[in-house]
Amino acid sequence: QLQLVESGGGLVQPGGSLTLSCGASGFTLNSYRVGWFRQAPGKEREAVACIARKGVTTKFADSVKGRFTISTDDANDTAYLQMNSLQPEDTAIYYCAVNGRMGTPFTCDPERYDYWGRGTQVTVSS
């Protein structure tokens, strides 16, 4: 059974940092394009950052550019989202997902991501 599991969420003060991790079971995560997405209460799910295989290309939402970094670790078969300078508006459930549609244009459109984790809560508050 294919499964993604996120971890690393929590409560952090404005200006603080968190690193989210995404691990896989049943498949090799780094054979896929990986994306991080978030959904805040009352809002639609939105893309945060995506990374192509081997990390050759990344995409970021304008709201997180310069603050968030996405990476993958082949040795641990894990994807990461390093989040710095967190603000209250970053509060959301964060999900990782994978896109196995190789040969198609690299995208951060959540509709193109096929397998999803259950999410991890990130709360930014003083």
PDB file of N, CA and C in Angstrom:
ATOM      1  N   GLN A   1       0.852  -1.187   0.000  1.00  0.00           N
ATOM      2  CA  GLN A   1       0.000   0.000   0.000  1.00  0.00           C
ATOM      3  C   GLN A   1       0.883   1.231   0.000  1.00  0.00           C
ATOM      4  N   LEU A   2       0.588   2.171  -0.901  1.00  0.00           N
ATOM      5  CA  LEU A   2       1.359   3.386  -0.987  1.00  0.00           C
ATOM      6  C   LEU A   2       0.926   4.351   0.112  1.00  0.00           C
ATOM      7  N   GLN A   3       1.895   4.892   0.825  1.00  0.00           N
ATOM      8  CA  GLN A   3       1.562   5.776   1.930  1.00  0.00           C
ATOM      9  C   GLN A   3       2.619   6.853   2.076  1.00  0.00           C
ATOM     10  N   LEU A   4       2.153   8.069   2.355  1.00  0.00           N
ATOM     11  CA  LEU A   4       3.031   9.195   2.669  1.00  0.00           C
ATOM     12  C   LEU A   4       2.732   9.649   4.086  1.00  0.00           C
ATOM     13  N   VAL A   5       3.769   9.977   4.829  1.00  0.00           N
ATOM     14  CA  VAL A   5       3.581  10.416   6.206  1.00  0.00           C
ATOM     15  C   VAL A   5       4.387  11.681   6.437  1.00  0.00           C
ATOM     16  N   GLU A   6       3.680  12.738   6.845  1.00  0.00           N
ATOM     17  CA  GLU A   6       4.337  13.999   7.180  1.00  0.00           C
ATOM     18  C   GLU A   6       4.614  14.062   8.679  1.00  0.00           C
ATOM     19  N   SER A   7       5.651  14.791   9.041  1.00  0.00           N
ATOM     20  CA  SER A   7       5.960  15.025  10.449  1.00  0.00           C
ATOM     21  C   SER A   7       6.682  16.357  10.579  1.00  0.00           C
ATOM     22  N   GLY A   8       6.764  16.837  11.820  1.00  0.00           N
ATOM     23  CA  GLY A   8       7.524  18.048  12.080  1.00  0.00           C
ATOM     24  C   GLY A   8       6.688  19.283  12.329  1.00  0.00           C
ATOM     25  N   GLY A   9       5.369  19.163  12.214  1.00  0.00           N
ATOM     26  CA  GLY A   9       4.531  20.319  12.484  1.00  0.00           C
ATOM     27  C   GLY A   9       4.501  20.652  13.961  1.00  0.00           C
ATOM     28  N   GLY A  10       3.892  21.777  14.282  1.00  0.00           N
ATOM     29  CA  GLY A  10       3.785  22.179  15.672  1.00  0.00           C
ATOM     30  C   GLY A  10       3.428  23.635  15.809  1.00  0.00           C
ATOM     31  N   LEU A  11       3.587  24.126  17.026  1.00  0.00           N
ATOM     32  CA  LEU A  11       3.314  25.524  17.344  1.00  0.00           C
ATOM     33  C   LEU A  11       4.633  26.286  17.385  1.00  0.00           C
ATOM     34  N   VAL A  12       4.674  27.405  16.694  1.00  0.00           N
ATOM     35  CA  VAL A  12       5.894  28.216  16.664  1.00  0.00           C
ATOM     36  C   VAL A  12       5.506  29.685  16.708  1.00  0.00           C
ATOM     37  N   GLN A  13       6.366  30.492  17.291  1.00  0.00           N
ATOM     38  CA  GLN A  13       6.103  31.930  17.370  1.00  0.00           C
ATOM     39  C   GLN A  13       6.414  32.607  16.034  1.00  0.00           C
ATOM     40  N   PRO A  14       5.782  33.729  15.759  1.00  0.00           N
ATOM     41  CA  PRO A  14       6.114  34.473  14.533  1.00  0.00           C
ATOM     42  C   PRO A  14       7.611  34.754  14.452  1.00  0.00           C
ATOM     43  N   GLY A  15       8.151  34.564  13.272  1.00  0.00           N
ATOM     44  CA  GLY A  15       9.585  34.715  13.064  1.00  0.00           C
ATOM     45  C   GLY A  15      10.373  33.455  13.272  1.00  0.00           C
ATOM     46  N   GLY A  16       9.721  32.417  13.767  1.00  0.00           N
ATOM     47  CA  GLY A  16      10.392  31.160  14.040  1.00  0.00           C
ATOM     48  C   GLY A  16      10.508  30.267  12.821  1.00  0.00           C
ATOM     49  N   SER A  17      11.063  29.076  13.037  1.00  0.00           N
ATOM     50  CA  SER A  17      11.318  28.132  11.956  1.00  0.00           C
ATOM     51  C   SER A  17      10.811  26.745  12.320  1.00  0.00           C
ATOM     52  N   LEU A  18      10.475  26.002  11.286  1.00  0.00           N
ATOM     53  CA  LEU A  18      10.125  24.593  11.413  1.00  0.00           C
ATOM     54  C   LEU A  18      10.626  23.874  10.173  1.00  0.00           C
ATOM     55  N   THR A  19      10.922  22.591  10.343  1.00  0.00           N
ATOM     56  CA  THR A  19      11.241  21.751   9.193  1.00  0.00           C
ATOM     57  C   THR A  19      10.266  20.580   9.165  1.00  0.00           C
ATOM     58  N   LEU A  20       9.538  20.471   8.070  1.00  0.00           N
ATOM     59  CA  LEU A  20       8.622  19.351   7.873  1.00  0.00           C
ATOM     60  C   LEU A  20       9.329  18.256   7.091  1.00  0.00           C
ATOM     61  N   SER A  21       8.996  17.023   7.424  1.00  0.00           N
ATOM     62  CA  SER A  21       9.548  15.864   6.725  1.00  0.00           C
ATOM     63  C   SER A  21       8.419  15.051   6.120  1.00  0.00           C
ATOM     64  N   CYS A  22       8.741  14.389   5.029  1.00  0.00           N
ATOM     65  CA  CYS A  22       7.761  13.530   4.358  1.00  0.00           C
ATOM     66  C   CYS A  22       8.451  12.231   3.982  1.00  0.00           C
ATOM     67  N   GLY A  23       7.955  11.134   4.527  1.00  0.00           N
ATOM     68  CA  GLY A  23       8.496   9.829   4.214  1.00  0.00           C
ATOM     69  C   GLY A  23       7.445   8.979   3.507  1.00  0.00           C
ATOM     70  N   ALA A  24       7.924   7.961   2.814  1.00  0.00           N
ATOM     71  CA  ALA A  24       7.021   7.107   2.036  1.00  0.00           C
ATOM     72  C   ALA A  24       7.185   5.649   2.410  1.00  0.00           C
ATOM     73  N   SER A  25       6.119   4.915   2.242  1.00  0.00           N
ATOM     74  CA  SER A  25       6.183   3.458   2.353  1.00  0.00           C
ATOM     75  C   SER A  25       5.450   2.853   1.166  1.00  0.00           C
ATOM     76  N   GLY A  26       5.978   1.754   0.677  1.00  0.00           N
ATOM     77  CA  GLY A  26       5.355   1.100  -0.461  1.00  0.00           C
ATOM     78  C   GLY A  26       5.876   1.567  -1.805  1.00  0.00           C
ATOM     79  N   PHE A  27       6.705   2.595  -1.789  1.00  0.00           N
ATOM     80  CA  PHE A  27       7.297   3.078  -3.027  1.00  0.00           C
ATOM     81  C   PHE A  27       8.490   3.948  -2.681  1.00  0.00           C
ATOM     82  N   THR A  28       9.282   4.294  -3.688  1.00  0.00           N
ATOM     83  CA  THR A  28      10.457   5.141  -3.487  1.00  0.00           C
ATOM     84  C   THR A  28      10.085   6.579  -3.774  1.00  0.00           C
ATOM     85  N   LEU A  29      10.106   7.378  -2.709  1.00  0.00           N
ATOM     86  CA  LEU A  29       9.653   8.767  -2.817  1.00  0.00           C
ATOM     87  C   LEU A  29      10.414   9.523  -3.890  1.00  0.00           C
ATOM     88  N   ASN A  30      11.718   9.323  -3.927  1.00  0.00           N
ATOM     89  CA  ASN A  30      12.538  10.143  -4.800  1.00  0.00           C
ATOM     90  C   ASN A  30      12.485   9.724  -6.268  1.00  0.00           C
ATOM     91  N   SER A  31      11.610   8.779  -6.591  1.00  0.00           N
ATOM     92  CA  SER A  31      11.333   8.464  -7.985  1.00  0.00           C
ATOM     93  C   SER A  31      10.223   9.348  -8.543  1.00  0.00           C
ATOM     94  N   TYR A  32       9.683  10.189  -7.680  1.00  0.00           N
ATOM     95  CA  TYR A  32       8.545  11.026  -8.042  1.00  0.00           C
ATOM     96  C   TYR A  32       8.875  12.502  -7.894  1.00  0.00           C
ATOM     97  N   ARG A  33       8.077  13.314  -8.510  1.00  0.00           N
ATOM     98  CA  ARG A  33       8.069  14.740  -8.185  1.00  0.00           C
ATOM     99  C   ARG A  33       7.328  14.884  -6.858  1.00  0.00           C
ATOM    100  N   VAL A  34       7.820  15.760  -6.004  1.00  0.00           N
ATOM    101  CA  VAL A  34       7.245  15.911  -4.665  1.00  0.00           C
ATOM    102  C   VAL A  34       6.766  17.345  -4.475  1.00  0.00           C
ATOM    103  N   GLY A  35       5.624  17.471  -3.867  1.00  0.00           N
ATOM    104  CA  GLY A  35       5.100  18.808  -3.587  1.00  0.00           C
ATOM    105  C   GLY A  35       4.643  18.924  -2.150  1.00  0.00           C
ATOM    106  N   TRP A  36       4.718  20.135  -1.650  1.00  0.00           N
ATOM    107  CA  TRP A  36       4.145  20.496  -0.347  1.00  0.00           C
ATOM    108  C   TRP A  36       2.992  21.449  -0.608  1.00  0.00           C
ATOM    109  N   PHE A  37       1.891  21.207   0.053  1.00  0.00           N
ATOM    110  CA  PHE A  37       0.684  22.003  -0.108  1.00  0.00           C
ATOM    111  C   PHE A  37       0.139  22.313   1.278  1.00  0.00           C
ATOM    112  N   ARG A  38      -0.731  23.296   1.352  1.00  0.00           N
ATOM    113  CA  ARG A  38      -1.314  23.623   2.650  1.00  0.00           C
ATOM    114  C   ARG A  38      -2.756  24.057   2.484  1.00  0.00           C
ATOM    115  N   GLN A  39      -3.489  23.900   3.568  1.00  0.00           N
ATOM    116  CA  GLN A  39      -4.873  24.344   3.587  1.00  0.00           C
ATOM    117  C   GLN A  39      -5.172  24.936   4.949  1.00  0.00           C
ATOM    118  N   ALA A  40      -5.545  26.197   4.931  1.00  0.00           N
ATOM    119  CA  ALA A  40      -5.932  26.896   6.153  1.00  0.00           C
ATOM    120  C   ALA A  40      -7.443  26.800   6.312  1.00  0.00           C
ATOM    121  N   PRO A  41      -7.946  26.950   7.535  1.00  0.00           N
ATOM    122  CA  PRO A  41      -9.389  26.878   7.753  1.00  0.00           C
ATOM    123  C   PRO A  41     -10.138  27.875   6.882  1.00  0.00           C
ATOM    124  N   GLY A  42     -11.150  27.397   6.196  1.00  0.00           N
ATOM    125  CA  GLY A  42     -11.974  28.265   5.376  1.00  0.00           C
ATOM    126  C   GLY A  42     -11.357  28.667   4.053  1.00  0.00           C
ATOM    127  N   LYS A  43     -10.186  28.118   3.761  1.00  0.00           N
ATOM    128  CA  LYS A  43      -9.510  28.477   2.512  1.00  0.00           C
ATOM    129  C   LYS A  43      -9.286  27.235   1.656  1.00  0.00           C
ATOM    130  N   GLU A  44      -9.036  27.479   0.383  1.00  0.00           N
ATOM    131  CA  GLU A  44      -8.741  26.372  -0.516  1.00  0.00           C
ATOM    132  C   GLU A  44      -7.305  25.890  -0.323  1.00  0.00           C
ATOM    133  N   ARG A  45      -7.097  24.647  -0.697  1.00  0.00           N
ATOM    134  CA  ARG A  45      -5.747  24.097  -0.684  1.00  0.00           C
ATOM    135  C   ARG A  45      -4.883  24.858  -1.684  1.00  0.00           C
ATOM    136  N   GLU A  46      -3.658  25.138  -1.284  1.00  0.00           N
ATOM    137  CA  GLU A  46      -2.770  25.863  -2.180  1.00  0.00           C
ATOM    138  C   GLU A  46      -1.393  25.215  -2.208  1.00  0.00           C
ATOM    139  N   ALA A  47      -0.720  25.385  -3.332  1.00  0.00           N
ATOM    140  CA  ALA A  47       0.638  24.880  -3.464  1.00  0.00           C
ATOM    141  C   ALA A  47       1.596  25.753  -2.687  1.00  0.00           C
ATOM    142  N   VAL A  48       2.545  25.131  -2.045  1.00  0.00           N
ATOM    143  CA  VAL A  48       3.584  25.852  -1.309  1.00  0.00           C
ATOM    144  C   VAL A  48       4.916  25.756  -2.056  1.00  0.00           C
ATOM    145  N   ALA A  49       5.337  24.528  -2.342  1.00  0.00           N
ATOM    146  CA  ALA A  49       6.603  24.322  -3.036  1.00  0.00           C
ATOM    147  C   ALA A  49       6.616  22.935  -3.647  1.00  0.00           C
ATOM    148  N   CYS A  50       7.300  22.802  -4.775  1.00  0.00           N
ATOM    149  CA  CYS A  50       7.407  21.516  -5.446  1.00  0.00           C
ATOM    150  C   CYS A  50       8.823  21.328  -5.957  1.00  0.00           C
ATOM    151  N   ILE A  51       9.218  20.071  -6.076  1.00  0.00           N
ATOM    152  CA  ILE A  51      10.574  19.762  -6.510  1.00  0.00           C
ATOM    153  C   ILE A  51      10.530  18.590  -7.485  1.00  0.00           C
ATOM    154  N   ALA A  52      11.285  18.750  -8.564  1.00  0.00           N
ATOM    155  CA  ALA A  52      11.357  17.678  -9.558  1.00  0.00           C
ATOM    156  C   ALA A  52      12.321  16.594  -9.074  1.00  0.00           C
ATOM    157  N   ARG A  53      12.325  15.492  -9.775  1.00  0.00           N
ATOM    158  CA  ARG A  53      13.241  14.413  -9.425  1.00  0.00           C
ATOM    159  C   ARG A  53      14.677  14.915  -9.440  1.00  0.00           C
ATOM    160  N   LYS A  54      15.447  14.431  -8.491  1.00  0.00           N
ATOM    161  CA  LYS A  54      16.853  14.811  -8.328  1.00  0.00           C
ATOM    162  C   LYS A  54      17.023  16.286  -8.004  1.00  0.00           C
ATOM    163  N   GLY A  55      15.934  16.955  -7.724  1.00  0.00           N
ATOM    164  CA  GLY A  55      16.019  18.352  -7.301  1.00  0.00           C
ATOM    165  C   GLY A  55      16.459  19.311  -8.380  1.00  0.00           C
ATOM    166  N   VAL A  56      16.301  18.937  -9.641  1.00  0.00           N
ATOM    167  CA  VAL A  56      16.816  19.791 -10.707  1.00  0.00           C
ATOM    168  C   VAL A  56      16.005  21.066 -10.891  1.00  0.00           C
ATOM    169  N   THR A  57      14.754  21.017 -10.456  1.00  0.00           N
ATOM    170  CA  THR A  57      13.878  22.185 -10.602  1.00  0.00           C
ATOM    171  C   THR A  57      12.996  22.304  -9.374  1.00  0.00           C
ATOM    172  N   THR A  58      12.747  23.532  -8.958  1.00  0.00           N
ATOM    173  CA  THR A  58      11.824  23.782  -7.858  1.00  0.00           C
ATOM    174  C   THR A  58      10.872  24.910  -8.227  1.00  0.00           C
ATOM    175  N   LYS A  59       9.744  24.914  -7.586  1.00  0.00           N
ATOM    176  CA  LYS A  59       8.766  25.995  -7.737  1.00  0.00           C
ATOM    177  C   LYS A  59       8.285  26.368  -6.349  1.00  0.00           C
ATOM    178  N   PHE A  60       8.035  27.650  -6.146  1.00  0.00           N
ATOM    179  CA  PHE A  60       7.560  28.142  -4.862  1.00  0.00           C
ATOM    180  C   PHE A  60       6.394  29.098  -5.070  1.00  0.00           C
ATOM    181  N   ALA A  61       5.470  29.069  -4.125  1.00  0.00           N
ATOM    182  CA  ALA A  61       4.439  30.094  -4.104  1.00  0.00           C
ATOM    183  C   ALA A  61       5.087  31.433  -3.802  1.00  0.00           C
ATOM    184  N   ASP A  62       4.548  32.489  -4.391  1.00  0.00           N
ATOM    185  CA  ASP A  62       5.134  33.821  -4.161  1.00  0.00           C
ATOM    186  C   ASP A  62       5.168  34.172  -2.672  1.00  0.00           C
ATOM    187  N   SER A  63       4.183  33.703  -1.945  1.00  0.00           N
ATOM    188  CA  SER A  63       4.070  34.061  -0.527  1.00  0.00           C
ATOM    189  C   SER A  63       5.172  33.448   0.338  1.00  0.00           C
ATOM    190  N   VAL A  64       5.869  32.431  -0.181  1.00  0.00           N
ATOM    191  CA  VAL A  64       6.893  31.770   0.636  1.00  0.00           C
ATOM    192  C   VAL A  64       8.294  31.909   0.041  1.00  0.00           C
ATOM    193  N   LYS A  65       8.406  32.505  -1.131  1.00  0.00           N
ATOM    194  CA  LYS A  65       9.725  32.663  -1.756  1.00  0.00           C
ATOM    195  C   LYS A  65      10.671  33.415  -0.831  1.00  0.00           C
ATOM    196  N   GLY A  66      11.883  32.881  -0.721  1.00  0.00           N
ATOM    197  CA  GLY A  66      12.880  33.497   0.136  1.00  0.00           C
ATOM    198  C   GLY A  66      12.782  33.089   1.595  1.00  0.00           C
ATOM    199  N   ARG A  67      11.689  32.415   1.957  1.00  0.00           N
ATOM    200  CA  ARG A  67      11.517  31.969   3.352  1.00  0.00           C
ATOM    201  C   ARG A  67      11.517  30.457   3.479  1.00  0.00           C
ATOM    202  N   PHE A  68      10.982  29.770   2.489  1.00  0.00           N
ATOM    203  CA  PHE A  68      10.859  28.307   2.529  1.00  0.00           C
ATOM    204  C   PHE A  68      11.832  27.677   1.542  1.00  0.00           C
ATOM    205  N   THR A  69      12.308  26.492   1.886  1.00  0.00           N
ATOM    206  CA  THR A  69      13.177  25.715   1.011  1.00  0.00           C
ATOM    207  C   THR A  69      12.653  24.291   0.942  1.00  0.00           C
ATOM    208  N   ILE A  70      12.622  23.724  -0.259  1.00  0.00           N
ATOM    209  CA  ILE A  70      12.214  22.338  -0.436  1.00  0.00           C
ATOM    210  C   ILE A  70      13.424  21.529  -0.873  1.00  0.00           C
ATOM    211  N   SER A  71      13.527  20.324  -0.345  1.00  0.00           N
ATOM    212  CA  SER A  71      14.663  19.479  -0.701  1.00  0.00           C
ATOM    213  C   SER A  71      14.269  18.015  -0.547  1.00  0.00           C
ATOM    214  N   THR A  72      15.088  17.169  -1.137  1.00  0.00           N
ATOM    215  CA  THR A  72      14.926  15.725  -0.966  1.00  0.00           C
ATOM    216  C   THR A  72      16.265  15.116  -0.606  1.00  0.00           C
ATOM    217  N   ASP A  73      16.212  14.032   0.126  1.00  0.00           N
ATOM    218  CA  ASP A  73      17.408  13.316   0.560  1.00  0.00           C
ATOM    219  C   ASP A  73      17.306  11.897   0.026  1.00  0.00           C
ATOM    220  N   ASP A  74      18.105  11.583  -0.977  1.00  0.00           N
ATOM    221  CA  ASP A  74      18.018  10.259  -1.586  1.00  0.00           C
ATOM    222  C   ASP A  74      18.391   9.153  -0.609  1.00  0.00           C
ATOM    223  N   ALA A  75      19.364   9.418   0.231  1.00  0.00           N
ATOM    224  CA  ALA A  75      19.834   8.382   1.156  1.00  0.00           C
ATOM    225  C   ALA A  75      18.725   7.961   2.120  1.00  0.00           C
ATOM    226  N   ASN A  76      17.948   8.939   2.582  1.00  0.00           N
ATOM    227  CA  ASN A  76      16.866   8.651   3.522  1.00  0.00           C
ATOM    228  C   ASN A  76      15.506   8.547   2.857  1.00  0.00           C
ATOM    229  N   ASP A  77      15.482   8.798   1.529  1.00  0.00           N
ATOM    230  CA  ASP A  77      14.236   8.779   0.775  1.00  0.00           C
ATOM    231  C   ASP A  77      13.166   9.638   1.457  1.00  0.00           C
ATOM    232  N   THR A  78      13.571  10.854   1.776  1.00  0.00           N
ATOM    233  CA  THR A  78      12.706  11.769   2.520  1.00  0.00           C
ATOM    234  C   THR A  78      12.699  13.128   1.830  1.00  0.00           C
ATOM    235  N   ALA A  79      11.565  13.783   1.875  1.00  0.00           N
ATOM    236  CA  ALA A  79      11.465  15.154   1.387  1.00  0.00           C
ATOM    237  C   ALA A  79      11.290  16.081   2.581  1.00  0.00           C
ATOM    238  N   TYR A  80      11.802  17.307   2.422  1.00  0.00           N
ATOM    239  CA  TYR A  80      11.769  18.265   3.515  1.00  0.00           C
ATOM    240  C   TYR A  80      11.208  19.597   3.032  1.00  0.00           C
ATOM    241  N   LEU A  81      10.601  20.300   3.968  1.00  0.00           N
ATOM    242  CA  LEU A  81      10.213  21.683   3.737  1.00  0.00           C
ATOM    243  C   LEU A  81      10.747  22.485   4.917  1.00  0.00           C
ATOM    244  N   GLN A  82      11.791  23.244   4.650  1.00  0.00           N
ATOM    245  CA  GLN A  82      12.372  24.114   5.669  1.00  0.00           C
ATOM    246  C   GLN A  82      11.643  25.449   5.613  1.00  0.00           C
ATOM    247  N   MET A  83      11.056  25.827   6.736  1.00  0.00           N
ATOM    248  CA  MET A  83      10.246  27.042   6.788  1.00  0.00           C
ATOM    249  C   MET A  83      10.869  28.019   7.781  1.00  0.00           C
ATOM    250  N   ASN A  84      11.266  29.175   7.295  1.00  0.00           N
ATOM    251  CA  ASN A  84      11.860  30.219   8.127  1.00  0.00           C
ATOM    252  C   ASN A  84      10.971  31.457   8.128  1.00  0.00           C
ATOM    253  N   SER A  85      11.209  32.319   9.085  1.00  0.00           N
ATOM    254  CA  SER A  85      10.458  33.583   9.192  1.00  0.00           C
ATOM    255  C   SER A  85       8.959  33.331   9.101  1.00  0.00           C
ATOM    256  N   LEU A  86       8.493  32.381   9.859  1.00  0.00           N
ATOM    257  CA  LEU A  86       7.080  32.010   9.796  1.00  0.00           C
ATOM    258  C   LEU A  86       6.205  33.141  10.316  1.00  0.00           C
ATOM    259  N   GLN A  87       5.045  33.264   9.694  1.00  0.00           N
ATOM    260  CA  GLN A  87       4.080  34.304  10.034  1.00  0.00           C
ATOM    261  C   GLN A  87       2.727  33.659  10.334  1.00  0.00           C
ATOM    262  N   PRO A  88       1.868  34.347  11.046  1.00  0.00           N
ATOM    263  CA  PRO A  88       0.553  33.769  11.355  1.00  0.00           C
ATOM    264  C   PRO A  88      -0.202  33.288  10.118  1.00  0.00           C
ATOM    265  N   GLU A  89      -0.008  33.961   8.999  1.00  0.00           N
ATOM    266  CA  GLU A  89      -0.721  33.545   7.784  1.00  0.00           C
ATOM    267  C   GLU A  89      -0.192  32.238   7.206  1.00  0.00           C
ATOM    268  N   ASP A  90       0.897  31.717   7.745  1.00  0.00           N
ATOM    269  CA  ASP A  90       1.396  30.406   7.338  1.00  0.00           C
ATOM    270  C   ASP A  90       0.694  29.273   8.090  1.00  0.00           C
ATOM    271  N   THR A  91      -0.140  29.616   9.040  1.00  0.00           N
ATOM    272  CA  THR A  91      -0.869  28.601   9.803  1.00  0.00           C
ATOM    273  C   THR A  91      -1.787  27.809   8.883  1.00  0.00           C
ATOM    274  N   ALA A  92      -1.629  26.484   8.903  1.00  0.00           N
ATOM    275  CA  ALA A  92      -2.408  25.618   8.019  1.00  0.00           C
ATOM    276  C   ALA A  92      -2.042  24.166   8.306  1.00  0.00           C
ATOM    277  N   ILE A  93      -2.781  23.270   7.702  1.00  0.00           N
ATOM    278  CA  ILE A  93      -2.359  21.879   7.641  1.00  0.00           C
ATOM    279  C   ILE A  93      -1.501  21.741   6.386  1.00  0.00           C
ATOM    280  N   TYR A  94      -0.333  21.173   6.570  1.00  0.00           N
ATOM    281  CA  TYR A  94       0.605  21.012   5.462  1.00  0.00           C
ATOM    282  C   TYR A  94       0.620  19.549   5.022  1.00  0.00           C
ATOM    283  N   TYR A  95       0.520  19.356   3.718  1.00  0.00           N
ATOM    284  CA  TYR A  95       0.484  18.026   3.130  1.00  0.00           C
ATOM    285  C   TYR A  95       1.646  17.850   2.157  1.00  0.00           C
ATOM    286  N   CYS A  96       2.189  16.654   2.119  1.00  0.00           N
ATOM    287  CA  CYS A  96       3.083  16.327   1.017  1.00  0.00           C
ATOM    288  C   CYS A  96       2.349  15.397   0.065  1.00  0.00           C
ATOM    289  N   ALA A  97       2.752  15.457  -1.184  1.00  0.00           N
ATOM    290  CA  ALA A  97       2.124  14.657  -2.223  1.00  0.00           C
ATOM    291  C   ALA A  97       3.142  14.372  -3.315  1.00  0.00           C
ATOM    292  N   VAL A  98       2.873  13.355  -4.110  1.00  0.00           N
ATOM    293  CA  VAL A  98       3.787  13.001  -5.184  1.00  0.00           C
ATOM    294  C   VAL A  98       3.052  12.938  -6.517  1.00  0.00           C
ATOM    295  N   ASN A  99       3.829  13.275  -7.547  1.00  0.00           N
ATOM    296  CA  ASN A  99       3.355  13.278  -8.931  1.00  0.00           C
ATOM    297  C   ASN A  99       4.257  12.346  -9.715  1.00  0.00           C
ATOM    298  N   GLY A 100       3.693  11.283 -10.234  1.00  0.00           N
ATOM    299  CA  GLY A 100       4.481  10.302 -10.972  1.00  0.00           C
ATOM    300  C   GLY A 100       4.334  10.409 -12.466  1.00  0.00           C
ATOM    301  N   ARG A 101       3.806  11.522 -12.935  1.00  0.00           N
ATOM    302  CA  ARG A 101       3.503  11.674 -14.367  1.00  0.00           C
ATOM    303  C   ARG A 101       4.718  12.183 -15.118  1.00  0.00           C
ATOM    304  N   MET A 102       5.738  11.342 -15.182  1.00  0.00           N
ATOM    305  CA  MET A 102       6.951  11.735 -15.884  1.00  0.00           C
ATOM    306  C   MET A 102       6.663  11.893 -17.372  1.00  0.00           C
ATOM    307  N   GLY A 103       7.382  12.815 -17.986  1.00  0.00           N
ATOM    308  CA  GLY A 103       7.142  13.092 -19.386  1.00  0.00           C
ATOM    309  C   GLY A 103       6.135  14.208 -19.591  1.00  0.00           C
ATOM    310  N   THR A 104       5.525  14.670 -18.501  1.00  0.00           N
ATOM    311  CA  THR A 104       4.618  15.811 -18.574  1.00  0.00           C
ATOM    312  C   THR A 104       5.334  17.027 -17.984  1.00  0.00           C
ATOM    313  N   PRO A 105       4.896  18.229 -18.323  1.00  0.00           N
ATOM    314  CA  PRO A 105       5.563  19.422 -17.769  1.00  0.00           C
ATOM    315  C   PRO A 105       5.537  19.424 -16.245  1.00  0.00           C
ATOM    316  N   PHE A 106       6.628  19.836 -15.658  1.00  0.00           N
ATOM    317  CA  PHE A 106       6.720  19.931 -14.206  1.00  0.00           C
ATOM    318  C   PHE A 106       5.741  20.997 -13.724  1.00  0.00           C
ATOM    319  N   THR A 107       4.957  20.649 -12.738  1.00  0.00           N
ATOM    320  CA  THR A 107       3.935  21.558 -12.255  1.00  0.00           C
ATOM    321  C   THR A 107       3.783  21.446 -10.758  1.00  0.00           C
ATOM    322  N   CYS A 108       3.250  22.497 -10.166  1.00  0.00           N
ATOM    323  CA  CYS A 108       2.915  22.495  -8.742  1.00  0.00           C
ATOM    324  C   CYS A 108       1.394  22.545  -8.576  1.00  0.00           C
ATOM    325  N   ASP A 109       0.673  22.177  -9.619  1.00  0.00           N
ATOM    326  CA  ASP A 109      -0.787  22.120  -9.566  1.00  0.00           C
ATOM    327  C   ASP A 109      -1.198  20.906  -8.738  1.00  0.00           C
ATOM    328  N   PRO A 110      -1.875  21.116  -7.615  1.00  0.00           N
ATOM    329  CA  PRO A 110      -2.233  19.979  -6.763  1.00  0.00           C
ATOM    330  C   PRO A 110      -3.083  18.930  -7.482  1.00  0.00           C
ATOM    331  N   GLU A 111      -3.796  19.346  -8.525  1.00  0.00           N
ATOM    332  CA  GLU A 111      -4.624  18.387  -9.263  1.00  0.00           C
ATOM    333  C   GLU A 111      -3.789  17.355 -10.005  1.00  0.00           C
ATOM    334  N   ARG A 112      -2.507  17.629 -10.159  1.00  0.00           N
ATOM    335  CA  ARG A 112      -1.606  16.711 -10.876  1.00  0.00           C
ATOM    336  C   ARG A 112      -0.850  15.810  -9.911  1.00  0.00           C
ATOM    337  N   TYR A 113      -1.151  15.881  -8.625  1.00  0.00           N
ATOM    338  CA  TYR A 113      -0.471  15.064  -7.634  1.00  0.00           C
ATOM    339  C   TYR A 113      -1.403  13.949  -7.186  1.00  0.00           C
ATOM    340  N   ASP A 114      -0.869  12.738  -7.204  1.00  0.00           N
ATOM    341  CA  ASP A 114      -1.723  11.560  -7.137  1.00  0.00           C
ATOM    342  C   ASP A 114      -1.832  10.918  -5.758  1.00  0.00           C
ATOM    343  N   TYR A 115      -0.778  10.986  -4.985  1.00  0.00           N
ATOM    344  CA  TYR A 115      -0.781  10.359  -3.666  1.00  0.00           C
ATOM    345  C   TYR A 115      -0.479  11.414  -2.619  1.00  0.00           C
ATOM    346  N   TRP A 116      -1.255  11.377  -1.543  1.00  0.00           N
ATOM    347  CA  TRP A 116      -1.198  12.421  -0.525  1.00  0.00           C
ATOM    348  C   TRP A 116      -1.035  11.823   0.860  1.00  0.00           C
ATOM    349  N   GLY A 117      -0.310  12.554   1.704  1.00  0.00           N
ATOM    350  CA  GLY A 117      -0.274  12.215   3.108  1.00  0.00           C
ATOM    351  C   GLY A 117      -1.482  12.792   3.830  1.00  0.00           C
ATOM    352  N   ARG A 118      -1.554  12.529   5.127  1.00  0.00           N
ATOM    353  CA  ARG A 118      -2.694  13.004   5.920  1.00  0.00           C
ATOM    354  C   ARG A 118      -2.489  14.404   6.461  1.00  0.00           C
ATOM    355  N   GLY A 119      -1.283  14.905   6.378  1.00  0.00           N
ATOM    356  CA  GLY A 119      -1.030  16.273   6.778  1.00  0.00           C
ATOM    357  C   GLY A 119      -0.476  16.412   8.180  1.00  0.00           C
ATOM    358  N   THR A 120       0.157  17.553   8.410  1.00  0.00           N
ATOM    359  CA  THR A 120       0.664  17.905   9.730  1.00  0.00           C
ATOM    360  C   THR A 120       0.329  19.369   9.995  1.00  0.00           C
ATOM    361  N   GLN A 121      -0.135  19.644  11.206  1.00  0.00           N
ATOM    362  CA  GLN A 121      -0.600  20.994  11.541  1.00  0.00           C
ATOM    363  C   GLN A 121       0.590  21.895  11.867  1.00  0.00           C
ATOM    364  N   VAL A 122       0.581  23.067  11.263  1.00  0.00           N
ATOM    365  CA  VAL A 122       1.542  24.120  11.596  1.00  0.00           C
ATOM    366  C   VAL A 122       0.750  25.319  12.091  1.00  0.00           C
ATOM    367  N   THR A 123       1.065  25.765  13.296  1.00  0.00           N
ATOM    368  CA  THR A 123       0.388  26.915  13.878  1.00  0.00           C
ATOM    369  C   THR A 123       1.442  27.958  14.260  1.00  0.00           C
ATOM    370  N   VAL A 124       1.256  29.156  13.729  1.00  0.00           N
ATOM    371  CA  VAL A 124       2.183  30.257  14.021  1.00  0.00           C
ATOM    372  C   VAL A 124       1.425  31.285  14.846  1.00  0.00           C
ATOM    373  N   SER A 125       1.819  31.392  16.089  1.00  0.00           N
ATOM    374  CA  SER A 125       1.086  32.261  17.002  1.00  0.00           C
ATOM    375  C   SER A 125       1.979  32.634  18.173  1.00  0.00           C
ATOM    376  N   SER A 126       1.748  33.842  18.681  1.00  0.00           N
ATOM    377  CA  SER A 126       2.477  34.262  19.878  1.00  0.00           C
ATOM    378  C   SER A 126       1.659  33.966  21.127  1.00  0.00           C
TER     379      SER A 126
END
